[in-house]
């Protein structure tokens, strides 16, 4: 384990935290992962293969991807340390309504 901002981070991290080629669609200025046939494409959208990762270790249906070449833990730490935008900017669920994440917690969503 490595310690990142006080959190333990597994050396062999889960899907998403390390950059890889993944099918994504750009929507509203954010990269959304197309993870299976249920993805609801909007008119004119097609999946593109991009080298992306997810800033949070959370579930990618709730988090937009960022373009990245960080494919090692050390590279992820360096990229995160030097980031100029908030990690929360990629939280898709926050755009539902103000306070939607907190509301979903209260409703038992997760």
Protein backbone atom coordinates (compact mmCIF):
# COMPACT_ATOMS: atom_id res chain seq x y z
CA UNK A 1 0.00 0.00 0.00
CA UNK A 2 1.03 3.59 -0.57
CA UNK A 3 -0.27 6.58 1.35
CA UNK A 4 -1.82 9.35 -0.77
CA UNK A 5 -3.24 12.37 1.05
CA UNK A 6 -3.75 10.21 4.12
CA UNK A 7 -5.52 7.37 2.27
CA UNK A 8 -4.15 3.92 1.62
CA UNK A 9 -3.87 3.21 -2.09
CA UNK A 10 -3.21 -0.35 -3.28
CA UNK A 11 -0.11 -0.83 -5.41
CA UNK A 12 -2.22 -2.88 -7.83
CA UNK A 13 -5.13 -0.49 -8.00
CA UNK A 14 -8.55 -1.24 -9.39
CA UNK A 15 -9.97 -0.55 -12.80
CA UNK A 16 -9.89 3.10 -13.68
CA UNK A 17 -7.26 4.56 -11.40
CA UNK A 18 -4.43 3.90 -13.90
CA UNK A 19 -4.51 5.28 -17.44
CA UNK A 20 -5.45 2.91 -20.24
CA UNK A 21 -7.13 3.01 -23.64
CA UNK A 22 -10.84 3.01 -22.97
CA UNK A 23 -13.98 3.68 -25.06
CA UNK A 24 -15.34 7.11 -24.15
CA UNK A 25 -17.76 9.75 -25.41
CA UNK A 26 -17.25 13.45 -24.86
CA UNK A 27 -20.38 14.98 -23.39
CA UNK A 28 -20.66 18.39 -21.77
CA UNK A 29 -16.88 18.80 -21.91
CA UNK A 30 -16.27 15.57 -19.97
CA UNK A 31 -15.16 12.09 -21.05
CA UNK A 32 -17.80 9.48 -20.20
CA UNK A 33 -16.82 5.81 -20.35
CA UNK A 34 -18.86 3.52 -22.58
CA UNK A 35 -18.63 0.37 -20.52
CA UNK A 36 -21.28 -1.85 -22.11
CA UNK A 37 -24.19 -2.01 -24.59
CA UNK A 38 -26.54 -0.23 -22.14
CA UNK A 39 -24.76 3.12 -22.64
CA UNK A 40 -27.37 5.66 -23.87
CA UNK A 41 -25.72 7.38 -26.84
CA UNK A 42 -27.11 10.75 -27.79
CA UNK A 43 -27.64 11.60 -31.48
CA UNK A 44 -24.30 11.97 -33.26
CA UNK A 45 -22.23 10.38 -30.49
CA UNK A 46 -19.83 7.54 -31.12
CA UNK A 47 -17.30 5.98 -28.80
CA UNK A 48 -13.64 6.96 -29.22
CA UNK A 49 -10.65 5.13 -27.80
CA UNK A 50 -8.76 7.54 -25.53
CA UNK A 51 -6.04 7.05 -22.95
CA UNK A 52 -7.91 8.03 -19.80
CA UNK A 53 -8.10 7.31 -16.10
CA UNK A 54 -10.41 8.26 -13.29
CA UNK A 55 -9.27 10.67 -10.61
CA UNK A 56 -11.30 9.08 -7.88
CA UNK A 57 -11.32 5.44 -6.96
CA UNK A 58 -15.09 5.54 -7.16
CA UNK A 59 -17.35 4.00 -9.73
CA UNK A 60 -16.89 5.34 -13.27
CA UNK A 61 -20.59 5.63 -14.06
CA UNK A 62 -20.55 8.46 -11.49
CA UNK A 63 -17.19 9.96 -12.42
CA UNK A 64 -15.96 11.40 -15.71
CA UNK A 65 -12.58 10.30 -17.03
CA UNK A 66 -9.57 12.55 -17.57
CA UNK A 67 -7.07 12.17 -20.39
CA UNK A 68 -3.87 10.85 -18.86
CA UNK A 69 -0.70 8.88 -19.47
CA UNK A 70 -0.32 8.04 -15.76
CA UNK A 71 -0.10 4.25 -15.86
CA UNK A 72 1.87 3.71 -12.65
CA UNK A 73 1.05 4.62 -9.06
CA UNK A 74 3.96 7.07 -8.99
CA UNK A 75 2.71 8.78 -12.16
CA UNK A 76 -0.82 9.03 -10.75
CA UNK A 77 0.51 10.62 -7.55
CA UNK A 78 2.60 13.12 -9.53
CA UNK A 79 -0.30 13.96 -11.83
CA UNK A 80 -2.70 14.39 -8.92
CA UNK A 81 -0.22 16.53 -7.00
CA UNK A 82 0.22 18.82 -10.02
CA UNK A 83 -3.47 18.97 -11.01
CA UNK A 84 -4.92 22.43 -11.57
CA UNK A 85 -8.57 21.40 -11.39
CA UNK A 86 -10.65 19.96 -8.60
CA UNK A 87 -11.28 16.24 -8.50
CA UNK A 88 -14.95 17.04 -7.88
CA UNK A 89 -15.23 18.55 -11.38
CA UNK A 90 -15.51 15.03 -12.78
CA UNK A 91 -18.33 13.90 -10.50
CA UNK A 92 -21.20 13.46 -12.94
CA UNK A 93 -23.69 12.77 -10.21
CA UNK A 94 -23.22 16.30 -8.81
CA UNK A 95 -24.78 17.81 -11.93
CA UNK A 96 -28.22 16.24 -11.28
CA UNK A 97 -29.37 18.91 -8.84
CA UNK A 98 -27.58 20.94 -6.15
CA UNK A 99 -26.66 18.65 -3.28
CA UNK A 100 -27.59 15.55 -5.25
CA UNK A 101 -24.74 13.45 -3.85
CA UNK A 102 -25.82 14.14 -0.29
CA UNK A 103 -29.46 13.44 -1.20
CA UNK A 104 -28.50 10.11 -2.78
CA UNK A 105 -26.57 9.16 0.39
CA UNK A 106 -29.64 9.89 2.51
CA UNK A 107 -31.81 7.82 0.17
CA UNK A 108 -29.48 4.85 0.58
CA UNK A 109 -28.14 4.97 -2.98
CA UNK A 110 -24.73 3.91 -1.65
